[in-house]
C-alpha atoms as a PDB file:
ATOM      1  CA  MET A   1       0.000   0.000   0.000  1.00  0.00           C
ATOM      2  CA  LEU A   2       1.451   3.315  -1.046  1.00  0.00           C
ATOM      3  CA  THR A   3       1.032   6.078   1.469  1.00  0.00           C
ATOM      4  CA  ALA A   4       0.822   9.718   0.473  1.00  0.00           C
ATOM      5  CA  GLN A   5       4.344  10.275   1.772  1.00  0.00           C
ATOM      6  CA  ARG A   6       5.763   7.465  -0.374  1.00  0.00           C
ATOM      7  CA  LYS A   7       3.885   8.719  -3.432  1.00  0.00           C
ATOM      8  CA  ARG A   8       5.390  12.176  -2.953  1.00  0.00           C
ATOM      9  CA  LEU A   9       8.854  10.684  -2.483  1.00  0.00           C
ATOM     10  CA  ILE A  10       8.558   8.599  -5.669  1.00  0.00           C
ATOM     11  CA  GLY A  11       7.200  11.598  -7.576  1.00  0.00           C
ATOM     12  CA  PHE A  12       9.985  13.856  -6.333  1.00  0.00           C
ATOM     13  CA  ALA A  13      12.651  11.284  -7.216  1.00  0.00           C
ATOM     14  CA  THR A  14      11.177  10.827 -10.696  1.00  0.00           C
ATOM     15  CA  VAL A  15      11.051  14.555 -11.406  1.00  0.00           C
ATOM     16  CA  THR A  16      14.600  14.940 -10.101  1.00  0.00           C
ATOM     17  CA  LEU A  17      15.939  12.166 -12.329  1.00  0.00           C
ATOM     18  CA  VAL A  18      14.213  13.532 -15.433  1.00  0.00           C
ATOM     19  CA  ALA A  19      15.468  17.046 -14.686  1.00  0.00           C
ATOM     20  CA  ALA A  20      18.980  15.668 -14.177  1.00  0.00           C
ATOM     21  CA  ALA A  21      18.802  13.861 -17.535  1.00  0.00           C
ATOM     22  CA  TRP A  22      17.785  17.042 -19.354  1.00  0.00           C
ATOM     23  CA  THR A  23      20.423  19.067 -17.512  1.00  0.00           C
ATOM     24  CA  GLY A  24      23.021  16.495 -18.549  1.00  0.00           C
ATOM     25  CA  ALA A  25      21.889  16.739 -22.164  1.00  0.00           C
ATOM     26  CA  PHE A  26      22.167  20.506 -22.054  1.00  0.00           C
ATOM     27  CA  LEU A  27      25.664  20.263 -20.573  1.00  0.00           C
ATOM     28  CA  VAL A  28      26.726  17.756 -23.248  1.00  0.00           C
ATOM     29  CA  TRP A  29      25.500  20.144 -25.933  1.00  0.00           C
ATOM     30  CA  LEU A  30      27.096  23.177 -24.282  1.00  0.00           C
ATOM     31  CA  LEU A  31      30.482  21.777 -23.272  1.00  0.00           C
ATOM     32  CA  LEU A  32      31.330  18.940 -25.649  1.00  0.00           C
ATOM     33  CA  ASP A  33      30.042  20.101 -29.053  1.00  0.00           C
ATOM     34  CA  PRO A  34      28.868  16.556 -29.872  1.00  0.00           C
ATOM     35  CA  SER A  35      28.786  14.957 -33.286  1.00  0.00           C
ATOM     36  CA  LEU A  36      25.474  13.875 -34.774  1.00  0.00           C
ATOM     37  CA  LYS A  37      25.920  10.307 -33.469  1.00  0.00           C
ATOM     38  CA  GLN A  38      26.740  11.499 -29.953  1.00  0.00           C
ATOM     39  CA  TRP A  39      23.841  13.938 -29.910  1.00  0.00           C
ATOM     40  CA  THR A  40      21.433  11.283 -31.173  1.00  0.00           C
ATOM     41  CA  LEU A  41      22.549   8.881 -28.450  1.00  0.00           C
ATOM     42  CA  THR A  42      22.239  11.612 -25.823  1.00  0.00           C
ATOM     43  CA  MET A  43      18.711  12.509 -26.933  1.00  0.00           C
ATOM     44  CA  ALA A  44      17.695   8.846 -27.051  1.00  0.00           C
ATOM     45  CA  ILE A  45      18.825   8.365 -23.454  1.00  0.00           C
ATOM     46  CA  VAL A  46      17.032  11.511 -22.320  1.00  0.00           C
ATOM     47  CA  ALA A  47      13.883  10.478 -24.198  1.00  0.00           C
ATOM     48  CA  VAL A  48      13.877   7.071 -22.493  1.00  0.00           C
ATOM     49  CA  ALA A  49      14.385   8.708 -19.091  1.00  0.00           C
ATOM     50  CA  THR A  50      11.513  11.104 -19.759  1.00  0.00           C
ATOM     51  CA  GLU A  51       9.256   8.280 -20.938  1.00  0.00           C
ATOM     52  CA  ILE A  52      10.006   6.276 -17.803  1.00  0.00           C
ATOM     53  CA  GLY A  53       9.199   9.349 -15.728  1.00  0.00           C
ATOM     54  CA  LEU A  54       5.845   9.734 -17.457  1.00  0.00           C
ATOM     55  CA  TRP A  55       4.983   6.068 -16.914  1.00  0.00           C
ATOM     56  CA  VAL A  56       5.918   6.268 -13.233  1.00  0.00           C
ATOM     57  CA  GLY A  57       3.689   9.330 -12.861  1.00  0.00           C
ATOM     58  CA  ALA A  58       0.821   7.516 -14.574  1.00  0.00           C
ATOM     59  CA  ALA A  59       1.335   4.503 -12.316  1.00  0.00           C
ATOM     60  CA  ILE A  60       1.213   6.662  -9.184  1.00  0.00           C
ATOM     61  CA  LEU A  61      -1.964   8.316 -10.429  1.00  0.00           C
ATOM     62  CA  GLY A  62      -3.514   4.943 -11.235  1.00  0.00           C
ATOM     63  CA  VAL A  63      -2.638   3.495  -7.835  1.00  0.00           C
ATOM     64  CA  SER A  64      -4.112   6.563  -6.165  1.00  0.00           C
ATOM     65  CA  VAL A  65      -7.377   6.183  -8.057  1.00  0.00           C
ATOM     66  CA  ILE A  66      -7.593   2.465  -7.300  1.00  0.00           C
ATOM     67  CA  GLN A  67      -6.906   3.048  -3.590  1.00  0.00           C
ATOM     68  CA  ARG A  68      -9.548   5.762  -3.415  1.00  0.00           C
ATOM     69  CA  LEU A  69     -12.142   3.621  -5.204  1.00  0.00           C
ATOM     70  CA  ARG A  70     -11.323   0.615  -3.053  1.00  0.00           C
ATOM     71  CA  ALA A  71     -11.802   2.661   0.105  1.00  0.00           C
ATOM     72  CA  ARG A  72     -14.998   4.205  -1.192  1.00  0.00           C
ATOM     73  CA  TRP A  73     -16.674   1.036  -2.388  1.00  0.00           C
ATOM     74  CA  SER A  74     -15.441  -1.513   0.122  1.00  0.00           C
ATOM     75  CA  LEU A  75     -18.026  -3.974   1.290  1.00  0.00           C
ATOM     76  CA  SER A  76     -17.529  -3.244   4.950  1.00  0.00           C
ATOM     77  CA  ALA A  77     -18.028   0.490   4.443  1.00  0.00           C
ATOM     78  CA  MET A  78     -21.171  -0.163   2.451  1.00  0.00           C
ATOM     79  CA  LEU A  79     -22.574  -2.441   5.145  1.00  0.00           C
ATOM     80  CA  ARG A  80     -21.917   0.128   7.849  1.00  0.00           C
ATOM     81  CA  GLY A  81     -23.383   2.884   5.699  1.00  0.00           C
ATOM     82  CA  LYS A  82     -20.178   4.919   5.767  1.00  0.00           C
ATOM     83  CA  ARG A  83     -19.639   5.990   2.188  1.00  0.00           C
ATOM     84  CA  ARG A  84     -17.241   8.822   1.621  1.00  0.00           C
END
């Protein structure tokens, strides 16, 4: 079960890693004057990191929705008459 604190920690770590990947790409472009092959490889790595970040964000959102629905529609809550 993911708590709100863990969700925030995972989200913060994901955003930090994606920002670090883009910062690294900018530094490669700025400092190394890469060839076309090097720049393509750099952008491919950054694109994969960004895609992973998006999927992690979608997973956190999905888990949050499932947890909220599970709490709202649980059988015990319905029997007690305590819907949120």
